Amino acid sequence: EMPGPRGDAYRTFAALGEDTIAALWLIAERALGEASPWHAVIASLPWSEGGEGSASPCGGCTPVSWPREACDALLGGTPLLADAIAASEKLARQYAALFPALSEHMADVFPASAYTLDNFRRAHEAWN
């Protein structure tokens, strides 16, 4: 069990489900870098920076974080397109329900610079 304000926050938000709590934890531990006791494990997880000019221009590892255009181009005409869009929209809704409120009210636990929508999606991808 994690002590301190971050542990208290995770216990408070337990109803969000373990996948969301794990994503929040991954973001925090990744932000710590080498100071995290989990650094070696976290560094081995997929965490594509994606975007224009990167090795992964579609975004992340799964369609959850791909731009809509990439989903349409790669998954169009398949049943996977609707699933990918639904999953992406669900994560966006979860994120919007949490942020920026958590970053505003608990800035020391959930710094806005680390808890971005892109990082939230990437953490979900890495966890799942």
Foldseek 3Di string as FASTA:
>chain_A
DDDDDLVVVCVVVCVVDDLQSQLLVLLVQVVCAPVRPCNVVSVPFFQDCEPPPDPHVQAGDDLLGGPLVVLCVPVNPHPVSVVSVVSNVVLVVVLVVCPPVCCVVPVVNRPPVRSDSSSSSRSSVRVD
